[in-house]
């Protein structure tokens, strides 16, 4: 008889790093095999505990291999549950936002990939973005930068119509004055990418944000460069209002 959810919950909750690394792939196989794990679709209480354990003590682990494995398992759950994973999104986002600021490229990249997968399979992009706007004010500069990079990736995959950009642009404007140069650059690149998708409305909107004229001049010069380069995305239907 295959081990059930209770067994796997115990495996998730145990703290031994070696054992975690050992059982991780087995847990992924269990999650992805509907015949082995039919109760995943029905036992919400244990699923809640499994996801909470993965988010708080795997993704947040000081051992980066455990963190990566935790994201792999969550990714398998997203693949398996699709939109039934939606109730879990609020549980996993705080840990994913923190890990978006990890010092290791591999962790940051896998984190962003998982966020984008959640937007693709489990909930509309704006549903996720409403819950990660706090990342623009995160204490870790890499998380602030990472949220900007994730925004560009979201736009390129889903288009401007999938987001209510009027909720997001003010946060990006604040980051143009960030103490960290990487964050400032990422914020600027985000605005340029929004302009590529949406067009002149962005220029008009930014003029009303109270930004210093010198900063506006830099932004608008970059917009002009994009306009001349022929990389505007003309097919965009524009953003949600």
C-alpha atoms as a PDB file:
ATOM      1  CA  UNK A   1       0.000   0.000   0.000  1.00  0.00           C
ATOM      2  CA  UNK A   2       1.305   3.449  -0.967  1.00  0.00           C
ATOM      3  CA  UNK A   3       2.075   5.872   1.891  1.00  0.00           C
ATOM      4  CA  UNK A   4      -0.676   8.487   2.208  1.00  0.00           C
ATOM      5  CA  UNK A   5      -0.813  12.199   2.953  1.00  0.00           C
ATOM      6  CA  UNK A   6      -0.268  11.691   6.698  1.00  0.00           C
ATOM      7  CA  UNK A   7       3.049   9.973   5.961  1.00  0.00           C
ATOM      8  CA  UNK A   8       4.179  12.753   3.628  1.00  0.00           C
ATOM      9  CA  UNK A   9       3.079  15.464   6.045  1.00  0.00           C
ATOM     10  CA  UNK A  10       5.345  13.848   8.671  1.00  0.00           C
ATOM     11  CA  UNK A  11       8.206  13.828   6.136  1.00  0.00           C
ATOM     12  CA  UNK A  12       7.643  17.511   5.367  1.00  0.00           C
ATOM     13  CA  UNK A  13       7.549  18.474   9.048  1.00  0.00           C
ATOM     14  CA  UNK A  14      10.739  16.647  10.092  1.00  0.00           C
ATOM     15  CA  UNK A  15      13.786  18.913  10.357  1.00  0.00           C
ATOM     16  CA  UNK A  16      16.686  16.644   9.291  1.00  0.00           C
ATOM     17  CA  UNK A  17      18.286  18.181   6.179  1.00  0.00           C
ATOM     18  CA  UNK A  18      19.682  14.877   4.920  1.00  0.00           C
ATOM     19  CA  UNK A  19      16.300  13.167   5.160  1.00  0.00           C
ATOM     20  CA  UNK A  20      14.590  16.079   3.445  1.00  0.00           C
ATOM     21  CA  UNK A  21      16.992  15.911   0.511  1.00  0.00           C
ATOM     22  CA  UNK A  22      16.424  12.157   0.410  1.00  0.00           C
ATOM     23  CA  UNK A  23      12.607  12.196   0.348  1.00  0.00           C
ATOM     24  CA  UNK A  24      12.122  15.296  -1.818  1.00  0.00           C
ATOM     25  CA  UNK A  25      12.047  13.527  -5.185  1.00  0.00           C
ATOM     26  CA  UNK A  26       9.798  10.769  -3.815  1.00  0.00           C
ATOM     27  CA  UNK A  27       7.387  13.452  -2.615  1.00  0.00           C
ATOM     28  CA  UNK A  28       7.380  15.076  -6.076  1.00  0.00           C
ATOM     29  CA  UNK A  29       6.624  11.677  -7.656  1.00  0.00           C
ATOM     30  CA  UNK A  30       3.796  11.154  -5.148  1.00  0.00           C
ATOM     31  CA  UNK A  31       2.261  14.563  -5.874  1.00  0.00           C
ATOM     32  CA  UNK A  32       2.376  14.138  -9.657  1.00  0.00           C
ATOM     33  CA  UNK A  33       0.926  10.598  -9.677  1.00  0.00           C
ATOM     34  CA  UNK A  34      -2.858  10.840  -9.269  1.00  0.00           C
ATOM     35  CA  UNK A  35      -3.120   7.112  -8.600  1.00  0.00           C
ATOM     36  CA  UNK A  36      -0.716   7.369  -5.668  1.00  0.00           C
ATOM     37  CA  UNK A  37      -2.242  10.548  -4.249  1.00  0.00           C
ATOM     38  CA  UNK A  38      -6.004  10.666  -4.908  1.00  0.00           C
ATOM     39  CA  UNK A  39      -6.595  12.261  -1.486  1.00  0.00           C
ATOM     40  CA  UNK A  40      -4.700  15.408  -2.541  1.00  0.00           C
ATOM     41  CA  UNK A  41      -7.890  16.483  -4.293  1.00  0.00           C
ATOM     42  CA  UNK A  42     -10.093  15.940  -1.242  1.00  0.00           C
ATOM     43  CA  UNK A  43      -8.247  16.382   2.071  1.00  0.00           C
ATOM     44  CA  UNK A  44      -7.964  20.171   2.287  1.00  0.00           C
ATOM     45  CA  UNK A  45      -6.850  20.165   5.940  1.00  0.00           C
ATOM     46  CA  UNK A  46      -3.743  18.044   5.402  1.00  0.00           C
ATOM     47  CA  UNK A  47      -2.987  19.813   2.106  1.00  0.00           C
ATOM     48  CA  UNK A  48      -3.043  23.151   3.986  1.00  0.00           C
ATOM     49  CA  UNK A  49      -0.557  21.758   6.520  1.00  0.00           C
ATOM     50  CA  UNK A  50       1.683  20.319   3.789  1.00  0.00           C
ATOM     51  CA  UNK A  51       1.844  23.619   1.892  1.00  0.00           C
ATOM     52  CA  UNK A  52       2.410  25.594   5.099  1.00  0.00           C
ATOM     53  CA  UNK A  53       5.272  23.263   6.081  1.00  0.00           C
ATOM     54  CA  UNK A  54       6.865  23.507   2.632  1.00  0.00           C
ATOM     55  CA  UNK A  55       6.589  27.308   2.562  1.00  0.00           C
ATOM     56  CA  UNK A  56       7.759  28.039   6.102  1.00  0.00           C
ATOM     57  CA  UNK A  57      10.438  25.433   6.696  1.00  0.00           C
ATOM     58  CA  UNK A  58      11.606  24.267   3.252  1.00  0.00           C
ATOM     59  CA  UNK A  59      11.458  27.389   1.063  1.00  0.00           C
ATOM     60  CA  UNK A  60      12.663  29.433   4.068  1.00  0.00           C
ATOM     61  CA  UNK A  61      15.421  26.929   4.931  1.00  0.00           C
ATOM     62  CA  UNK A  62      18.950  28.238   5.475  1.00  0.00           C
ATOM     63  CA  UNK A  63      20.105  25.317   3.285  1.00  0.00           C
ATOM     64  CA  UNK A  64      19.646  26.467  -0.307  1.00  0.00           C
ATOM     65  CA  UNK A  65      19.290  22.886  -1.604  1.00  0.00           C
ATOM     66  CA  UNK A  66      16.317  22.356   0.705  1.00  0.00           C
ATOM     67  CA  UNK A  67      14.867  25.705  -0.445  1.00  0.00           C
ATOM     68  CA  UNK A  68      15.187  24.691  -4.116  1.00  0.00           C
ATOM     69  CA  UNK A  69      13.639  21.300  -3.383  1.00  0.00           C
ATOM     70  CA  UNK A  70      10.784  22.974  -1.506  1.00  0.00           C
ATOM     71  CA  UNK A  71      10.074  25.101  -4.580  1.00  0.00           C
ATOM     72  CA  UNK A  72      10.245  21.986  -6.780  1.00  0.00           C
ATOM     73  CA  UNK A  73       7.622  20.277  -4.607  1.00  0.00           C
ATOM     74  CA  UNK A  74       5.381  23.376  -4.615  1.00  0.00           C
ATOM     75  CA  UNK A  75       5.792  23.545  -8.399  1.00  0.00           C
ATOM     76  CA  UNK A  76       4.645  19.914  -8.624  1.00  0.00           C
ATOM     77  CA  UNK A  77       1.608  20.780  -6.483  1.00  0.00           C
ATOM     78  CA  UNK A  78       0.770  23.688  -8.828  1.00  0.00           C
ATOM     79  CA  UNK A  79       1.058  21.341 -11.835  1.00  0.00           C
ATOM     80  CA  UNK A  80      -1.139  18.753 -10.153  1.00  0.00           C
ATOM     81  CA  UNK A  81      -3.785  20.993  -8.575  1.00  0.00           C
ATOM     82  CA  UNK A  82      -3.926  23.796 -11.189  1.00  0.00           C
ATOM     83  CA  UNK A  83      -6.579  26.320 -10.073  1.00  0.00           C
ATOM     84  CA  UNK A  84      -7.302  24.204  -6.970  1.00  0.00           C
ATOM     85  CA  UNK A  85      -3.950  25.524  -5.695  1.00  0.00           C
ATOM     86  CA  UNK A  86      -5.428  29.048  -5.573  1.00  0.00           C
ATOM     87  CA  UNK A  87      -6.413  28.889  -1.853  1.00  0.00           C
ATOM     88  CA  UNK A  88      -2.748  28.144  -1.035  1.00  0.00           C
ATOM     89  CA  UNK A  89      -1.316  31.197  -2.786  1.00  0.00           C
ATOM     90  CA  UNK A  90      -1.518  33.446   0.271  1.00  0.00           C
ATOM     91  CA  UNK A  91       0.408  30.829   2.274  1.00  0.00           C
ATOM     92  CA  UNK A  92       3.349  30.556  -0.135  1.00  0.00           C
ATOM     93  CA  UNK A  93       3.809  34.169  -1.303  1.00  0.00           C
ATOM     94  CA  UNK A  94       5.546  35.594   1.832  1.00  0.00           C
ATOM     95  CA  UNK A  95       8.258  32.913   1.632  1.00  0.00           C
ATOM     96  CA  UNK A  96       8.607  33.315  -2.134  1.00  0.00           C
ATOM     97  CA  UNK A  97       8.970  37.094  -1.773  1.00  0.00           C
ATOM     98  CA  UNK A  98      11.698  36.646   0.842  1.00  0.00           C
ATOM     99  CA  UNK A  99      13.533  34.091  -1.298  1.00  0.00           C
ATOM    100  CA  UNK A 100      13.307  36.356  -4.345  1.00  0.00           C
ATOM    101  CA  UNK A 101      16.047  38.262  -2.502  1.00  0.00           C
ATOM    102  CA  UNK A 102      18.347  35.248  -2.076  1.00  0.00           C
ATOM    103  CA  UNK A 103      22.066  35.725  -2.686  1.00  0.00           C
ATOM    104  CA  UNK A 104      22.136  32.731  -5.071  1.00  0.00           C
ATOM    105  CA  UNK A 105      21.043  33.252  -8.683  1.00  0.00           C
ATOM    106  CA  UNK A 106      19.650  29.709  -8.907  1.00  0.00           C
ATOM    107  CA  UNK A 107      17.273  30.306  -5.989  1.00  0.00           C
ATOM    108  CA  UNK A 108      16.067  33.679  -7.319  1.00  0.00           C
ATOM    109  CA  UNK A 109      15.520  32.275 -10.816  1.00  0.00           C
ATOM    110  CA  UNK A 110      13.597  29.223  -9.597  1.00  0.00           C
ATOM    111  CA  UNK A 111      11.524  31.455  -7.331  1.00  0.00           C
ATOM    112  CA  UNK A 112      10.499  33.697 -10.231  1.00  0.00           C
ATOM    113  CA  UNK A 113       9.731  30.650 -12.384  1.00  0.00           C
ATOM    114  CA  UNK A 114       7.390  29.346  -9.672  1.00  0.00           C
ATOM    115  CA  UNK A 115       5.639  32.714  -9.303  1.00  0.00           C
ATOM    116  CA  UNK A 116       5.057  32.829 -13.069  1.00  0.00           C
ATOM    117  CA  UNK A 117       3.800  29.235 -13.050  1.00  0.00           C
ATOM    118  CA  UNK A 118       1.274  30.113 -10.325  1.00  0.00           C
ATOM    119  CA  UNK A 119       0.060  33.010 -12.527  1.00  0.00           C
ATOM    120  CA  UNK A 120      -0.231  30.673 -15.501  1.00  0.00           C
ATOM    121  CA  UNK A 121      -1.975  27.695 -13.866  1.00  0.00           C
ATOM    122  CA  UNK A 122      -3.526  28.669 -10.532  1.00  0.00           C
ATOM    123  CA  UNK A 123      -4.758  32.277 -10.598  1.00  0.00           C
ATOM    124  CA  UNK A 124      -4.900  35.327 -12.901  1.00  0.00           C
ATOM    125  CA  UNK A 125      -1.698  37.431 -12.862  1.00  0.00           C
ATOM    126  CA  UNK A 126      -3.392  40.401 -11.167  1.00  0.00           C
ATOM    127  CA  UNK A 127      -4.635  38.145  -8.333  1.00  0.00           C
ATOM    128  CA  UNK A 128      -1.003  37.290  -7.569  1.00  0.00           C
ATOM    129  CA  UNK A 129       0.263  40.847  -8.079  1.00  0.00           C
ATOM    130  CA  UNK A 130      -2.299  42.259  -5.641  1.00  0.00           C
ATOM    131  CA  UNK A 131      -0.621  40.039  -3.043  1.00  0.00           C
ATOM    132  CA  UNK A 132       3.036  40.759  -3.860  1.00  0.00           C
ATOM    133  CA  UNK A 133       2.948  44.564  -4.133  1.00  0.00           C
ATOM    134  CA  UNK A 134       4.627  44.648  -0.706  1.00  0.00           C
ATOM    135  CA  UNK A 135       7.727  43.277  -2.423  1.00  0.00           C
ATOM    136  CA  UNK A 136       8.392  46.749  -3.853  1.00  0.00           C
ATOM    137  CA  UNK A 137       9.001  47.935  -0.257  1.00  0.00           C
ATOM    138  CA  UNK A 138      10.825  44.805   0.956  1.00  0.00           C
ATOM    139  CA  UNK A 139      13.828  45.380   3.224  1.00  0.00           C
ATOM    140  CA  UNK A 140      16.034  43.217   0.963  1.00  0.00           C
ATOM    141  CA  UNK A 141      17.167  45.153  -2.119  1.00  0.00           C
ATOM    142  CA  UNK A 142      17.339  41.950  -4.183  1.00  0.00           C
ATOM    143  CA  UNK A 143      13.653  41.305  -3.519  1.00  0.00           C
ATOM    144  CA  UNK A 144      12.807  44.863  -4.622  1.00  0.00           C
ATOM    145  CA  UNK A 145      14.851  44.294  -7.771  1.00  0.00           C
ATOM    146  CA  UNK A 146      13.372  40.803  -8.237  1.00  0.00           C
ATOM    147  CA  UNK A 147       9.795  42.077  -8.138  1.00  0.00           C
ATOM    148  CA  UNK A 148      10.649  44.493 -10.977  1.00  0.00           C
ATOM    149  CA  UNK A 149      12.192  41.653 -13.000  1.00  0.00           C
ATOM    150  CA  UNK A 150       9.133  39.502 -12.331  1.00  0.00           C
ATOM    151  CA  UNK A 151       6.876  42.311 -13.579  1.00  0.00           C
ATOM    152  CA  UNK A 152       8.762  42.483 -16.889  1.00  0.00           C
ATOM    153  CA  UNK A 153       8.479  38.693 -17.241  1.00  0.00           C
ATOM    154  CA  UNK A 154       4.733  38.840 -16.464  1.00  0.00           C
ATOM    155  CA  UNK A 155       4.193  41.519 -19.126  1.00  0.00           C
ATOM    156  CA  UNK A 156       6.134  39.562 -21.731  1.00  0.00           C
ATOM    157  CA  UNK A 157       4.177  36.358 -21.046  1.00  0.00           C
ATOM    158  CA  UNK A 158       0.665  37.647 -20.357  1.00  0.00           C
ATOM    159  CA  UNK A 159       0.619  41.153 -21.865  1.00  0.00           C
ATOM    160  CA  UNK A 160      -0.393  44.473 -20.310  1.00  0.00           C
ATOM    161  CA  UNK A 161      -4.111  43.627 -20.469  1.00  0.00           C
ATOM    162  CA  UNK A 162      -3.580  40.984 -17.734  1.00  0.00           C
ATOM    163  CA  UNK A 163      -2.550  43.589 -15.140  1.00  0.00           C
ATOM    164  CA  UNK A 164      -4.029  46.696 -13.576  1.00  0.00           C
ATOM    165  CA  UNK A 165      -0.861  48.696 -14.132  1.00  0.00           C
ATOM    166  CA  UNK A 166      -2.292  51.802 -12.454  1.00  0.00           C
ATOM    167  CA  UNK A 167      -1.940  49.888  -9.157  1.00  0.00           C
ATOM    168  CA  UNK A 168       1.671  48.937  -9.875  1.00  0.00           C
ATOM    169  CA  UNK A 169       3.254  52.008 -11.519  1.00  0.00           C
ATOM    170  CA  UNK A 170       3.269  54.187  -8.338  1.00  0.00           C
ATOM    171  CA  UNK A 171       5.389  51.540  -6.582  1.00  0.00           C
ATOM    172  CA  UNK A 172       7.859  51.507  -9.473  1.00  0.00           C
ATOM    173  CA  UNK A 173       8.062  55.310  -9.407  1.00  0.00           C
ATOM    174  CA  UNK A 174       9.055  55.142  -5.730  1.00  0.00           C
ATOM    175  CA  UNK A 175      11.884  52.739  -6.578  1.00  0.00           C
ATOM    176  CA  UNK A 176      13.373  55.211  -9.072  1.00  0.00           C
ATOM    177  CA  UNK A 177      14.765  56.929  -5.964  1.00  0.00           C
ATOM    178  CA  UNK A 178      15.904  53.700  -4.254  1.00  0.00           C
ATOM    179  CA  UNK A 179      19.275  53.836  -2.443  1.00  0.00           C
ATOM    180  CA  UNK A 180      20.437  50.778  -4.436  1.00  0.00           C
ATOM    181  CA  UNK A 181      21.493  51.323  -8.055  1.00  0.00           C
ATOM    182  CA  UNK A 182      20.437  47.820  -9.190  1.00  0.00           C
ATOM    183  CA  UNK A 183      16.926  48.490  -7.910  1.00  0.00           C
ATOM    184  CA  UNK A 184      16.827  51.905  -9.621  1.00  0.00           C
ATOM    185  CA  UNK A 185      17.924  50.319 -12.909  1.00  0.00           C
ATOM    186  CA  UNK A 186      15.351  47.513 -12.592  1.00  0.00           C
ATOM    187  CA  UNK A 187      12.594  50.058 -11.873  1.00  0.00           C
ATOM    188  CA  UNK A 188      13.593  52.124 -14.912  1.00  0.00           C
ATOM    189  CA  UNK A 189      13.646  49.009 -17.116  1.00  0.00           C
ATOM    190  CA  UNK A 190      10.171  48.080 -15.820  1.00  0.00           C
ATOM    191  CA  UNK A 191       8.784  51.478 -16.815  1.00  0.00           C
ATOM    192  CA  UNK A 192      10.369  51.213 -20.252  1.00  0.00           C
ATOM    193  CA  UNK A 193       8.837  47.769 -20.698  1.00  0.00           C
ATOM    194  CA  UNK A 194       5.412  49.016 -19.612  1.00  0.00           C
ATOM    195  CA  UNK A 195       5.781  51.789 -22.215  1.00  0.00           C
ATOM    196  CA  UNK A 196       6.630  49.183 -24.891  1.00  0.00           C
ATOM    197  CA  UNK A 197       3.354  47.419 -24.115  1.00  0.00           C
ATOM    198  CA  UNK A 198       1.008  50.328 -23.404  1.00  0.00           C
ATOM    199  CA  UNK A 199       2.387  53.293 -25.344  1.00  0.00           C
ATOM    200  CA  UNK A 200       1.908  57.042 -24.863  1.00  0.00           C
ATOM    201  CA  UNK A 201      -0.654  56.740 -22.059  1.00  0.00           C
ATOM    202  CA  UNK A 202       2.258  55.863 -19.757  1.00  0.00           C
ATOM    203  CA  UNK A 203       4.026  59.122 -20.592  1.00  0.00           C
ATOM    204  CA  UNK A 204       0.879  61.123 -19.833  1.00  0.00           C
ATOM    205  CA  UNK A 205       0.311  59.197 -16.602  1.00  0.00           C
ATOM    206  CA  UNK A 206       3.877  59.695 -15.348  1.00  0.00           C
ATOM    207  CA  UNK A 207       3.618  63.438 -15.944  1.00  0.00           C
ATOM    208  CA  UNK A 208       0.952  63.539 -13.205  1.00  0.00           C
ATOM    209  CA  UNK A 209       2.943  61.570 -10.605  1.00  0.00           C
ATOM    210  CA  UNK A 210       4.895  64.527  -9.217  1.00  0.00           C
ATOM    211  CA  UNK A 211       8.278  63.138 -10.274  1.00  0.00           C
ATOM    212  CA  UNK A 212      11.194  65.614 -10.535  1.00  0.00           C
ATOM    213  CA  UNK A 213      11.471  67.034 -14.053  1.00  0.00           C
ATOM    214  CA  UNK A 214      15.079  65.835 -14.348  1.00  0.00           C
ATOM    215  CA  UNK A 215      13.965  62.246 -13.684  1.00  0.00           C
ATOM    216  CA  UNK A 216      11.050  62.558 -16.107  1.00  0.00           C
ATOM    217  CA  UNK A 217      13.443  63.790 -18.786  1.00  0.00           C
ATOM    218  CA  UNK A 218      15.596  60.657 -18.371  1.00  0.00           C
ATOM    219  CA  UNK A 219      12.525  58.387 -18.514  1.00  0.00           C
ATOM    220  CA  UNK A 220      11.054  60.119 -21.561  1.00  0.00           C
ATOM    221  CA  UNK A 221      14.402  59.985 -23.383  1.00  0.00           C
ATOM    222  CA  UNK A 222      14.386  56.207 -22.877  1.00  0.00           C
ATOM    223  CA  UNK A 223      10.792  56.050 -24.135  1.00  0.00           C
ATOM    224  CA  UNK A 224      11.869  57.966 -27.253  1.00  0.00           C
ATOM    225  CA  UNK A 225      14.708  55.473 -27.815  1.00  0.00           C
ATOM    226  CA  UNK A 226      12.240  52.564 -27.646  1.00  0.00           C
ATOM    227  CA  UNK A 227       9.895  54.350 -30.048  1.00  0.00           C
ATOM    228  CA  UNK A 228      12.732  54.837 -32.564  1.00  0.00           C
ATOM    229  CA  UNK A 229      14.078  51.291 -32.141  1.00  0.00           C
ATOM    230  CA  UNK A 230      10.896  49.692 -33.479  1.00  0.00           C
ATOM    231  CA  UNK A 231      10.438  47.411 -30.450  1.00  0.00           C
ATOM    232  CA  UNK A 232       7.015  48.727 -29.417  1.00  0.00           C
ATOM    233  CA  UNK A 233       4.401  45.990 -28.984  1.00  0.00           C
ATOM    234  CA  UNK A 234       1.679  47.362 -31.225  1.00  0.00           C
ATOM    235  CA  UNK A 235      -0.756  44.491 -30.729  1.00  0.00           C
ATOM    236  CA  UNK A 236      -1.218  45.334 -27.050  1.00  0.00           C
ATOM    237  CA  UNK A 237      -4.825  45.787 -26.048  1.00  0.00           C
ATOM    238  CA  UNK A 238      -3.742  48.005 -23.159  1.00  0.00           C
ATOM    239  CA  UNK A 239      -4.057  47.447 -19.437  1.00  0.00           C
ATOM    240  CA  UNK A 240      -7.045  46.698 -17.279  1.00  0.00           C
ATOM    241  CA  UNK A 241      -8.441  49.870 -15.786  1.00  0.00           C
END
